[in-house]
């Protein structure tokens, strides 16, 4: 077993439901963990220098290009060195926090993490995506079809043409129910969703831990 790479992106710290469910995963995890808190220490957004550096002989890099390339090298090395992944990505305005998108843009590099007409080096590795959201987005809800986070990440993280991870998604919903009076009638549904997410987080941690030591 190598290590679990755990990426947090919630701005709420300990109050984050996504982080709380991730804690249940971590409590059941038996191996080493490398943790990067993108909210506390954001990675840079992809810059022109970083893109140019990718297509320039390292011996010809400017100082700005060399610095940008070093950031990408660190993040890609950390990503590819992991055997499993835990992504804590709450829904913000129907999509992902910008700090997580910045990380994705840094690590997705054609020829390194994405192999055209080939197999990504991370293909098949297990990943758990935890995404809490204030409302409900399932069939029959007013917000059905307006979740632009999970479909995007399941595609980018899991599509064989991209990173090819084996992604399991947990979505504790209705987190606004306990704090918005108009949604108080949904508290039981929220509590059920949250309890299920905590339980599935523990189940996934135990399952993946066992797979990696087998």
Protein backbone atom coordinates (compact mmCIF):
# COMPACT_ATOMS: atom_id res chain seq x y z
CA UNK A 1 0.00 0.00 0.00
CA UNK A 2 1.20 3.50 -0.82
CA UNK A 3 -0.93 6.27 0.70
CA UNK A 4 -4.36 7.84 0.61
CA UNK A 5 -4.33 11.33 -0.90
CA UNK A 6 -7.01 13.35 0.87
CA UNK A 7 -7.92 16.69 -0.71
CA UNK A 8 -10.20 19.07 1.21
CA UNK A 9 -11.79 22.08 -0.44
CA UNK A 10 -14.51 23.31 1.93
CA UNK A 11 -14.14 26.84 3.30
CA UNK A 12 -16.10 26.01 6.47
CA UNK A 13 -13.42 24.17 8.43
CA UNK A 14 -14.76 21.88 11.16
CA UNK A 15 -18.32 23.07 10.46
CA UNK A 16 -18.21 21.53 6.98
CA UNK A 17 -20.50 18.53 6.56
CA UNK A 18 -18.29 17.23 3.75
CA UNK A 19 -15.28 17.32 6.08
CA UNK A 20 -17.25 15.63 8.86
CA UNK A 21 -18.18 12.74 6.59
CA UNK A 22 -14.57 12.57 5.41
CA UNK A 23 -13.56 12.26 9.09
CA UNK A 24 -15.64 9.07 9.29
CA UNK A 25 -13.73 7.72 6.30
CA UNK A 26 -10.39 8.68 7.85
CA UNK A 27 -11.30 7.05 11.18
CA UNK A 28 -11.85 3.72 9.40
CA UNK A 29 -8.81 4.04 7.14
CA UNK A 30 -5.84 1.91 8.20
CA UNK A 31 -3.01 3.21 6.06
CA UNK A 32 -0.89 6.30 5.56
CA UNK A 33 -2.57 9.57 4.58
CA UNK A 34 -1.25 12.61 2.73
CA UNK A 35 -3.63 15.50 3.38
CA UNK A 36 -3.82 18.73 1.38
CA UNK A 37 -6.28 21.40 2.50
CA UNK A 38 -6.93 23.45 -0.63
CA UNK A 39 -9.11 25.95 1.24
CA UNK A 40 -6.39 26.74 3.78
CA UNK A 41 -3.53 26.63 1.26
CA UNK A 42 -4.88 27.13 -2.27
CA UNK A 43 -2.79 26.09 -5.23
CA UNK A 44 -2.32 28.70 -7.96
CA UNK A 45 -4.71 28.88 -10.85
CA UNK A 46 -3.21 27.68 -14.11
CA UNK A 47 -1.16 30.47 -15.63
CA UNK A 48 0.18 31.31 -19.06
CA UNK A 49 3.66 30.57 -17.72
CA UNK A 50 2.59 27.08 -16.63
CA UNK A 51 1.10 26.31 -20.03
CA UNK A 52 4.15 27.65 -21.84
CA UNK A 53 6.48 25.67 -19.60
CA UNK A 54 4.70 22.46 -20.56
CA UNK A 55 5.68 22.99 -24.19
CA UNK A 56 9.16 24.45 -23.65
CA UNK A 57 12.49 22.71 -23.10
CA UNK A 58 13.18 22.99 -19.34
CA UNK A 59 16.64 24.36 -20.16
CA UNK A 60 14.90 27.31 -21.84
CA UNK A 61 12.41 28.07 -19.03
CA UNK A 62 12.16 31.58 -17.71
CA UNK A 63 12.19 31.98 -13.94
CA UNK A 64 8.38 32.32 -13.99
CA UNK A 65 7.97 29.21 -16.12
CA UNK A 66 10.33 27.22 -13.90
CA UNK A 67 8.37 28.20 -10.78
CA UNK A 68 5.06 27.31 -12.40
CA UNK A 69 6.42 23.96 -13.62
CA UNK A 70 7.72 23.17 -10.13
CA UNK A 71 4.22 23.61 -8.69
CA UNK A 72 2.76 21.23 -11.25
CA UNK A 73 5.55 18.70 -10.73
CA UNK A 74 4.87 18.67 -6.98
CA UNK A 75 1.12 18.24 -7.37
CA UNK A 76 1.39 15.59 -10.10
CA UNK A 77 3.97 13.64 -8.12
CA UNK A 78 1.74 13.71 -5.04
CA UNK A 79 -1.27 12.61 -7.11
CA UNK A 80 0.48 9.77 -8.93
CA UNK A 81 2.18 8.56 -5.74
CA UNK A 82 -1.16 7.70 -4.12
CA UNK A 83 -2.90 4.35 -4.21
CA UNK A 84 -6.33 5.75 -3.31
CA UNK A 85 -8.06 9.12 -3.10
CA UNK A 86 -10.51 10.96 -0.87
CA UNK A 87 -11.95 14.13 -2.39
CA UNK A 88 -13.95 16.43 -0.09
CA UNK A 89 -15.74 18.75 -2.51
CA UNK A 90 -18.94 20.46 -1.31
CA UNK A 91 -21.36 22.04 -3.74
CA UNK A 92 -20.92 25.79 -4.07
CA UNK A 93 -23.40 27.53 -6.37
CA UNK A 94 -24.26 24.25 -8.10
CA UNK A 95 -20.64 23.39 -8.87
CA UNK A 96 -17.26 22.82 -7.23
CA UNK A 97 -15.23 25.29 -5.12
CA UNK A 98 -12.78 27.18 -7.32
CA UNK A 99 -9.84 25.90 -5.26
CA UNK A 100 -10.60 22.33 -6.33
CA UNK A 101 -10.95 23.34 -9.98
CA UNK A 102 -7.55 25.03 -9.72
CA UNK A 103 -6.04 21.78 -8.44
CA UNK A 104 -7.64 19.79 -11.27
CA UNK A 105 -6.27 22.19 -13.88
CA UNK A 106 -2.78 21.85 -12.42
CA UNK A 107 -2.68 18.04 -12.35
CA UNK A 108 -4.41 17.25 -15.64
CA UNK A 109 -1.51 17.22 -18.09
CA UNK A 110 -1.70 15.45 -21.42
CA UNK A 111 1.15 12.99 -21.67
CA UNK A 112 1.63 12.73 -17.90
CA UNK A 113 -1.67 12.14 -16.11
CA UNK A 114 -3.84 11.91 -19.24
CA UNK A 115 -2.65 9.62 -22.04
CA UNK A 116 -4.42 10.09 -25.39
CA UNK A 117 -5.43 6.73 -26.86
CA UNK A 118 -3.80 5.02 -23.89
CA UNK A 119 -4.24 4.26 -20.21
CA UNK A 120 -3.79 6.92 -17.56
CA UNK A 121 -1.23 5.99 -14.88
CA UNK A 122 -3.94 6.41 -12.23
CA UNK A 123 -6.52 4.28 -14.07
CA UNK A 124 -8.49 1.91 -11.86
CA UNK A 125 -7.34 3.35 -8.54
CA UNK A 126 -10.17 3.73 -6.00
CA UNK A 127 -11.49 7.17 -5.12
CA UNK A 128 -14.27 8.43 -2.86
CA UNK A 129 -15.89 11.77 -3.62
CA UNK A 130 -17.81 13.40 -0.75
CA UNK A 131 -20.03 16.31 -1.76
CA UNK A 132 -22.46 17.81 0.74
CA UNK A 133 -25.14 20.16 -0.57
CA UNK A 134 -27.71 22.42 1.02
CA UNK A 135 -30.68 21.11 -0.95
CA UNK A 136 -31.82 17.96 -2.68
CA UNK A 137 -30.90 17.27 -6.30
CA UNK A 138 -32.39 13.84 -6.94
CA UNK A 139 -35.29 12.91 -9.23
CA UNK A 140 -38.52 14.62 -8.25
CA UNK A 141 -36.85 17.55 -6.48
CA UNK A 142 -37.05 21.16 -7.71
CA UNK A 143 -33.27 21.10 -8.23
CA UNK A 144 -33.13 17.90 -10.26
CA UNK A 145 -30.79 18.37 -13.21
CA UNK A 146 -29.05 21.37 -11.63
CA UNK A 147 -26.13 19.50 -10.05
CA UNK A 148 -23.13 20.54 -12.14
CA UNK A 149 -20.60 19.21 -9.63
CA UNK A 150 -20.99 15.43 -9.39
CA UNK A 151 -21.49 14.76 -13.13
CA UNK A 152 -18.45 16.90 -13.96
CA UNK A 153 -16.17 15.33 -11.38
CA UNK A 154 -17.31 11.78 -12.09
CA UNK A 155 -16.44 12.44 -15.72
CA UNK A 156 -13.08 14.14 -15.20
CA UNK A 157 -11.94 11.86 -12.38
CA UNK A 158 -13.46 8.64 -13.66
CA UNK A 159 -13.55 8.80 -17.44
CA UNK A 160 -10.88 6.49 -18.95
CA UNK A 161 -10.02 9.34 -21.33
CA UNK A 162 -9.06 11.46 -18.32
CA UNK A 163 -7.81 10.18 -14.93
CA UNK A 164 -9.71 6.88 -15.02
CA UNK A 165 -10.26 6.54 -11.29
CA UNK A 166 -12.82 4.11 -9.85
CA UNK A 167 -15.05 6.75 -8.22
CA UNK A 168 -17.65 6.21 -5.50
CA UNK A 169 -19.72 9.31 -4.71
CA UNK A 170 -21.41 10.17 -1.40
CA UNK A 171 -23.79 13.15 -1.31
CA UNK A 172 -25.16 14.10 2.12
CA UNK A 173 -28.05 16.40 1.22
CA UNK A 174 -30.35 19.02 2.70
CA UNK A 175 -27.67 20.46 4.97
CA UNK A 176 -29.62 23.77 5.12
CA UNK A 177 -32.63 22.07 6.72
CA UNK A 178 -31.41 22.48 10.33
CA UNK A 179 -30.61 26.19 9.85
CA UNK A 180 -33.31 27.51 7.48
CA UNK A 181 -36.74 27.62 9.21
CA UNK A 182 -38.64 27.13 5.94
CA UNK A 183 -36.82 23.83 5.43
CA UNK A 184 -37.34 22.48 8.95
CA UNK A 185 -39.77 19.84 7.69
CA UNK A 186 -36.85 18.29 5.78
CA UNK A 187 -34.69 17.73 8.86
CA UNK A 188 -35.58 14.00 9.11
CA UNK A 189 -34.61 13.49 5.45
CA UNK A 190 -31.37 15.39 6.05
CA UNK A 191 -30.54 13.30 9.11
CA UNK A 192 -31.15 10.08 7.18
CA UNK A 193 -28.99 11.26 4.27
CA UNK A 194 -26.20 12.31 6.63
CA UNK A 195 -26.27 9.06 8.60
CA UNK A 196 -26.12 7.05 5.38
CA UNK A 197 -23.16 9.11 4.15
CA UNK A 198 -21.21 8.54 7.38
CA UNK A 199 -21.90 4.81 7.25
CA UNK A 200 -20.95 4.49 3.59
CA UNK A 201 -17.77 6.48 4.21
CA UNK A 202 -16.72 3.96 6.85
CA UNK A 203 -17.68 1.05 4.60
CA UNK A 204 -15.67 2.42 1.69
CA UNK A 205 -12.61 3.08 3.85
CA UNK A 206 -12.61 -0.47 5.17
CA UNK A 207 -13.24 -1.93 1.70
CA UNK A 208 -10.48 0.03 -0.02
CA UNK A 209 -8.01 -0.56 2.83
CA UNK A 210 -8.55 -4.30 2.51
CA UNK A 211 -8.23 -4.20 -1.28
CA UNK A 212 -4.90 -2.43 -1.15
CA UNK A 213 -3.31 -4.87 1.29
CA UNK A 214 -4.65 -8.00 -0.42
